[in-house]
């Protein structure tokens, strides 16, 4: 029974050096987040912040949540999570952009 279980679930052991490199990458991205918080990118402030946040989330999902070595179905659901996040952000940004342009009842 255990042999069949091991054949179905291909356990992949990630070396510690990979986790240390991902950790270093997350530290660099955290420093970049702090820099972006203080720097002025004009109208691109939110876009740059979101790009850095998506990079950090991707690293965490790929390595710490083991999405990198998962089946196709898990990839589909991981992608759907990002897809619905983008939909939520677009709807929120659309509402934010329309504020003050539509006059309500006086």
N, C-alpha and C. Protein backbone atom coordinates (compact mmCIF):
# COMPACT_ATOMS: atom_id res chain seq x y z
N UNK A 1 0.82 -1.20 0.00
CA UNK A 1 0.00 0.00 0.00
C UNK A 1 0.86 1.26 0.00
N UNK A 2 1.95 1.22 0.77
CA UNK A 2 2.79 2.41 0.81
C UNK A 2 3.52 2.63 -0.50
N UNK A 3 3.91 1.57 -1.18
CA UNK A 3 4.60 1.74 -2.46
C UNK A 3 3.68 2.39 -3.47
N UNK A 4 2.41 1.94 -3.49
CA UNK A 4 1.45 2.54 -4.41
C UNK A 4 1.23 4.01 -4.05
N UNK A 5 1.17 4.29 -2.76
CA UNK A 5 0.98 5.66 -2.32
C UNK A 5 2.15 6.54 -2.77
N UNK A 6 3.37 6.03 -2.67
CA UNK A 6 4.54 6.80 -3.10
C UNK A 6 4.59 6.97 -4.61
N UNK A 7 4.07 6.00 -5.36
CA UNK A 7 4.06 6.11 -6.82
C UNK A 7 3.06 7.17 -7.26
N UNK A 8 1.93 7.27 -6.56
CA UNK A 8 0.90 8.23 -6.96
C UNK A 8 1.33 9.65 -6.63
N UNK A 9 1.92 9.83 -5.49
CA UNK A 9 2.33 11.16 -5.06
C UNK A 9 3.85 11.25 -5.16
N UNK A 10 4.31 11.89 -6.18
CA UNK A 10 5.75 12.02 -6.39
C UNK A 10 6.28 13.08 -5.43
N UNK A 11 6.78 12.63 -4.31
CA UNK A 11 7.31 13.56 -3.32
C UNK A 11 8.63 14.10 -3.82
N UNK A 12 8.72 15.40 -3.83
CA UNK A 12 9.94 16.05 -4.29
C UNK A 12 10.56 16.76 -3.09
N UNK A 13 11.81 16.48 -2.84
CA UNK A 13 12.52 17.10 -1.73
C UNK A 13 13.33 18.27 -2.28
N UNK A 14 13.00 19.45 -1.82
CA UNK A 14 13.70 20.65 -2.25
C UNK A 14 14.90 20.87 -1.34
N UNK A 15 16.07 21.11 -1.92
CA UNK A 15 17.26 21.32 -1.08
C UNK A 15 17.17 22.60 -0.27
N UNK A 16 17.85 22.62 0.85
CA UNK A 16 17.85 23.77 1.74
C UNK A 16 18.42 25.00 1.04
N UNK A 17 19.38 24.81 0.14
CA UNK A 17 19.97 25.95 -0.57
C UNK A 17 18.92 26.69 -1.39
N UNK A 18 17.95 25.96 -1.93
CA UNK A 18 16.88 26.61 -2.69
C UNK A 18 16.04 27.49 -1.77
N UNK A 19 15.71 26.96 -0.60
CA UNK A 19 14.93 27.76 0.36
C UNK A 19 15.71 28.98 0.82
N UNK A 20 17.02 28.85 0.98
CA UNK A 20 17.82 30.01 1.38
C UNK A 20 17.87 31.06 0.27
N UNK A 21 17.93 30.62 -0.98
CA UNK A 21 17.92 31.57 -2.10
C UNK A 21 16.56 32.27 -2.19
N UNK A 22 15.48 31.53 -1.99
CA UNK A 22 14.14 32.14 -2.00
C UNK A 22 14.03 33.12 -0.84
N UNK A 23 14.55 32.76 0.32
CA UNK A 23 14.54 33.66 1.47
C UNK A 23 15.30 34.95 1.16
N UNK A 24 16.47 34.81 0.52
CA UNK A 24 17.25 35.99 0.14
C UNK A 24 16.48 36.84 -0.87
N UNK A 25 15.82 36.19 -1.82
CA UNK A 25 15.00 36.92 -2.78
C UNK A 25 13.86 37.66 -2.11
N UNK A 26 13.23 37.03 -1.12
CA UNK A 26 12.15 37.71 -0.40
C UNK A 26 12.68 38.89 0.42
N UNK A 27 13.89 38.76 0.96
CA UNK A 27 14.48 39.89 1.68
C UNK A 27 14.77 41.06 0.74
N UNK A 28 15.27 40.75 -0.45
CA UNK A 28 15.52 41.80 -1.45
C UNK A 28 14.21 42.46 -1.85
N UNK A 29 13.18 41.65 -2.06
CA UNK A 29 11.88 42.22 -2.43
C UNK A 29 11.27 43.03 -1.29
N UNK A 30 11.53 42.64 -0.04
CA UNK A 30 11.06 43.43 1.09
C UNK A 30 11.76 44.78 1.13
N UNK A 31 13.08 44.78 0.88
CA UNK A 31 13.81 46.05 0.83
C UNK A 31 13.30 46.92 -0.32
N UNK A 32 12.98 46.28 -1.44
CA UNK A 32 12.41 47.02 -2.57
C UNK A 32 11.04 47.59 -2.22
N UNK A 33 10.26 46.85 -1.43
CA UNK A 33 8.95 47.34 -0.99
C UNK A 33 9.12 48.59 -0.13
N UNK A 34 10.09 48.57 0.77
CA UNK A 34 10.34 49.74 1.62
C UNK A 34 10.79 50.92 0.77
N UNK A 35 11.66 50.66 -0.20
CA UNK A 35 12.12 51.72 -1.09
C UNK A 35 10.97 52.32 -1.89
N UNK A 36 10.11 51.45 -2.42
CA UNK A 36 8.97 51.92 -3.21
C UNK A 36 8.02 52.73 -2.34
N UNK A 37 7.93 52.37 -1.06
CA UNK A 37 7.07 53.12 -0.14
C UNK A 37 7.53 54.55 0.06
N UNK A 38 8.83 54.78 0.01
CA UNK A 38 9.36 56.13 0.21
C UNK A 38 9.61 56.89 -1.09
N UNK A 39 9.81 56.18 -2.19
CA UNK A 39 10.10 56.84 -3.47
C UNK A 39 8.81 57.34 -4.11
N UNK A 40 8.96 58.28 -5.01
CA UNK A 40 7.81 58.83 -5.70
C UNK A 40 7.87 58.41 -7.17
N UNK A 41 6.96 57.56 -7.57
CA UNK A 41 6.89 57.10 -8.95
C UNK A 41 5.75 57.76 -9.70
N UNK A 42 5.19 58.79 -9.12
CA UNK A 42 4.09 59.50 -9.77
C UNK A 42 2.85 58.63 -9.88
N UNK A 43 2.28 58.57 -11.07
CA UNK A 43 1.05 57.78 -11.23
C UNK A 43 1.29 56.27 -11.20
N UNK A 44 2.55 55.85 -11.17
CA UNK A 44 2.86 54.42 -11.20
C UNK A 44 3.14 53.84 -9.81
N UNK A 45 2.89 54.60 -8.75
CA UNK A 45 3.16 54.13 -7.39
C UNK A 45 2.45 52.81 -7.10
N UNK A 46 1.17 52.78 -7.34
CA UNK A 46 0.39 51.58 -7.02
C UNK A 46 0.76 50.41 -7.92
N UNK A 47 1.06 50.69 -9.18
CA UNK A 47 1.41 49.62 -10.11
C UNK A 47 2.74 48.97 -9.70
N UNK A 48 3.72 49.78 -9.33
CA UNK A 48 5.02 49.23 -8.91
C UNK A 48 4.87 48.44 -7.62
N UNK A 49 4.07 48.94 -6.69
CA UNK A 49 3.82 48.23 -5.45
C UNK A 49 3.15 46.88 -5.70
N UNK A 50 2.18 46.86 -6.60
CA UNK A 50 1.49 45.61 -6.92
C UNK A 50 2.42 44.61 -7.61
N UNK A 51 3.28 45.09 -8.47
CA UNK A 51 4.22 44.19 -9.16
C UNK A 51 5.17 43.54 -8.15
N UNK A 52 5.68 44.31 -7.20
CA UNK A 52 6.56 43.74 -6.18
C UNK A 52 5.79 42.74 -5.32
N UNK A 53 4.56 43.08 -4.95
CA UNK A 53 3.76 42.17 -4.13
C UNK A 53 3.44 40.88 -4.86
N UNK A 54 3.17 40.96 -6.15
CA UNK A 54 2.88 39.75 -6.94
C UNK A 54 4.13 38.88 -7.05
N UNK A 55 5.30 39.50 -7.17
CA UNK A 55 6.55 38.73 -7.21
C UNK A 55 6.76 37.99 -5.90
N UNK A 56 6.50 38.66 -4.77
CA UNK A 56 6.66 38.00 -3.47
C UNK A 56 5.65 36.87 -3.31
N UNK A 57 4.41 37.11 -3.69
CA UNK A 57 3.38 36.07 -3.58
C UNK A 57 3.71 34.88 -4.48
N UNK A 58 4.26 35.15 -5.65
CA UNK A 58 4.62 34.05 -6.57
C UNK A 58 5.73 33.18 -5.98
N UNK A 59 6.74 33.80 -5.39
CA UNK A 59 7.81 33.03 -4.76
C UNK A 59 7.27 32.16 -3.62
N UNK A 60 6.40 32.73 -2.82
CA UNK A 60 5.84 31.97 -1.70
C UNK A 60 4.99 30.82 -2.19
N UNK A 61 4.16 31.08 -3.20
CA UNK A 61 3.30 30.02 -3.72
C UNK A 61 4.11 28.91 -4.40
N UNK A 62 5.11 29.29 -5.17
CA UNK A 62 5.88 28.29 -5.91
C UNK A 62 6.73 27.41 -5.01
N UNK A 63 7.39 28.00 -4.02
CA UNK A 63 8.36 27.23 -3.24
C UNK A 63 7.83 26.78 -1.88
N UNK A 64 7.23 27.68 -1.12
CA UNK A 64 6.80 27.31 0.22
C UNK A 64 5.46 26.57 0.22
N UNK A 65 4.62 26.82 -0.76
CA UNK A 65 3.36 26.07 -0.87
C UNK A 65 3.50 24.90 -1.84
N UNK A 66 4.69 24.69 -2.37
CA UNK A 66 5.04 23.56 -3.24
C UNK A 66 4.19 23.49 -4.51
N UNK A 67 3.78 24.62 -5.01
CA UNK A 67 3.00 24.65 -6.24
C UNK A 67 3.86 24.27 -7.44
N UNK A 68 5.14 24.49 -7.33
CA UNK A 68 6.07 24.22 -8.43
C UNK A 68 6.08 22.75 -8.84
N UNK A 69 5.89 21.86 -7.89
CA UNK A 69 5.94 20.43 -8.18
C UNK A 69 4.56 19.78 -8.05
N UNK A 70 3.51 20.56 -8.20
CA UNK A 70 2.16 20.03 -8.04
C UNK A 70 1.56 19.63 -9.38
N UNK A 71 0.41 19.01 -9.31
CA UNK A 71 -0.27 18.55 -10.52
C UNK A 71 -0.93 19.73 -11.25
N UNK A 72 -1.43 19.44 -12.42
CA UNK A 72 -2.06 20.47 -13.23
C UNK A 72 -3.30 21.07 -12.60
N UNK A 73 -4.05 20.26 -11.88
CA UNK A 73 -5.27 20.76 -11.23
C UNK A 73 -4.93 21.80 -10.17
N UNK A 74 -3.87 21.59 -9.43
CA UNK A 74 -3.46 22.55 -8.42
C UNK A 74 -3.00 23.84 -9.08
N UNK A 75 -2.32 23.73 -10.21
CA UNK A 75 -1.91 24.92 -10.97
C UNK A 75 -3.12 25.71 -11.45
N UNK A 76 -4.15 25.01 -11.88
CA UNK A 76 -5.37 25.69 -12.34
C UNK A 76 -5.98 26.51 -11.21
N UNK A 77 -6.10 25.90 -10.03
CA UNK A 77 -6.69 26.62 -8.91
C UNK A 77 -5.79 27.75 -8.42
N UNK A 78 -4.49 27.58 -8.47
CA UNK A 78 -3.58 28.67 -8.12
C UNK A 78 -3.70 29.83 -9.08
N UNK A 79 -3.82 29.51 -10.37
CA UNK A 79 -4.00 30.55 -11.38
C UNK A 79 -5.35 31.24 -11.23
N UNK A 80 -6.36 30.46 -10.89
CA UNK A 80 -7.69 31.06 -10.69
C UNK A 80 -7.68 32.04 -9.52
N UNK A 81 -6.89 31.74 -8.49
CA UNK A 81 -6.77 32.67 -7.37
C UNK A 81 -6.22 34.02 -7.82
N UNK A 82 -5.16 33.99 -8.63
CA UNK A 82 -4.62 35.23 -9.18
C UNK A 82 -5.62 35.91 -10.11
N UNK A 83 -6.34 35.14 -10.91
CA UNK A 83 -7.31 35.69 -11.84
C UNK A 83 -8.41 36.45 -11.09
N UNK A 84 -8.94 35.85 -10.02
CA UNK A 84 -9.99 36.52 -9.25
C UNK A 84 -9.44 37.69 -8.46
N UNK A 85 -8.19 37.64 -8.06
CA UNK A 85 -7.56 38.79 -7.40
C UNK A 85 -7.49 39.97 -8.37
N UNK A 86 -7.11 39.69 -9.61
CA UNK A 86 -7.04 40.75 -10.63
C UNK A 86 -8.43 41.33 -10.88
N UNK A 87 -9.46 40.48 -10.96
CA UNK A 87 -10.82 40.97 -11.15
C UNK A 87 -11.22 41.87 -9.99
N UNK A 88 -10.94 41.45 -8.76
CA UNK A 88 -11.29 42.24 -7.59
C UNK A 88 -10.56 43.59 -7.62
N UNK A 89 -9.27 43.57 -7.98
CA UNK A 89 -8.52 44.83 -8.03
C UNK A 89 -9.04 45.76 -9.12
N UNK A 90 -9.38 45.20 -10.27
CA UNK A 90 -9.90 46.04 -11.36
C UNK A 90 -11.24 46.67 -10.98
N UNK A 91 -12.11 45.90 -10.35
CA UNK A 91 -13.39 46.47 -9.92
C UNK A 91 -13.19 47.54 -8.85
N UNK A 92 -12.27 47.29 -7.92
CA UNK A 92 -12.00 48.29 -6.89
C UNK A 92 -11.37 49.55 -7.47
N UNK A 93 -10.42 49.37 -8.40
CA UNK A 93 -9.78 50.54 -9.01
C UNK A 93 -10.76 51.31 -9.89
N UNK A 94 -11.69 50.60 -10.53
CA UNK A 94 -12.74 51.28 -11.31
C UNK A 94 -13.62 52.13 -10.43
N UNK A 95 -13.98 51.62 -9.26
CA UNK A 95 -14.77 52.39 -8.32
C UNK A 95 -13.98 53.60 -7.81
N UNK A 96 -12.72 53.39 -7.50
CA UNK A 96 -11.88 54.47 -7.00
C UNK A 96 -11.69 55.57 -8.06
N UNK A 97 -11.53 55.16 -9.33
CA UNK A 97 -11.32 56.14 -10.40
C UNK A 97 -12.59 56.94 -10.69
N UNK A 98 -13.76 56.34 -10.42
CA UNK A 98 -15.02 57.03 -10.73
C UNK A 98 -15.49 57.94 -9.61
N UNK A 99 -14.82 57.95 -8.51
CA UNK A 99 -15.25 58.80 -7.40
C UNK A 99 -15.11 60.27 -7.76
N UNK A 100 -16.15 61.00 -7.47
CA UNK A 100 -16.14 62.43 -7.75
C UNK A 100 -16.57 62.79 -9.15
N UNK A 101 -16.69 61.81 -10.04
CA UNK A 101 -17.11 62.12 -11.41
C UNK A 101 -18.60 61.98 -11.60
N UNK A 102 -19.25 61.21 -10.75
CA UNK A 102 -20.70 61.00 -10.87
C UNK A 102 -21.38 61.80 -9.78
N UNK A 103 -22.29 62.66 -10.18
CA UNK A 103 -23.00 63.50 -9.24
C UNK A 103 -24.23 62.76 -8.71
N UNK A 104 -24.35 62.72 -7.42
CA UNK A 104 -25.50 62.08 -6.78
C UNK A 104 -26.63 63.07 -6.59
N UNK A 105 -27.71 62.64 -5.97
CA UNK A 105 -28.84 63.56 -5.71
C UNK A 105 -28.44 64.64 -4.72
N UNK A 106 -28.89 65.84 -4.98
CA UNK A 106 -28.52 66.99 -4.14
C UNK A 106 -29.61 67.28 -3.16
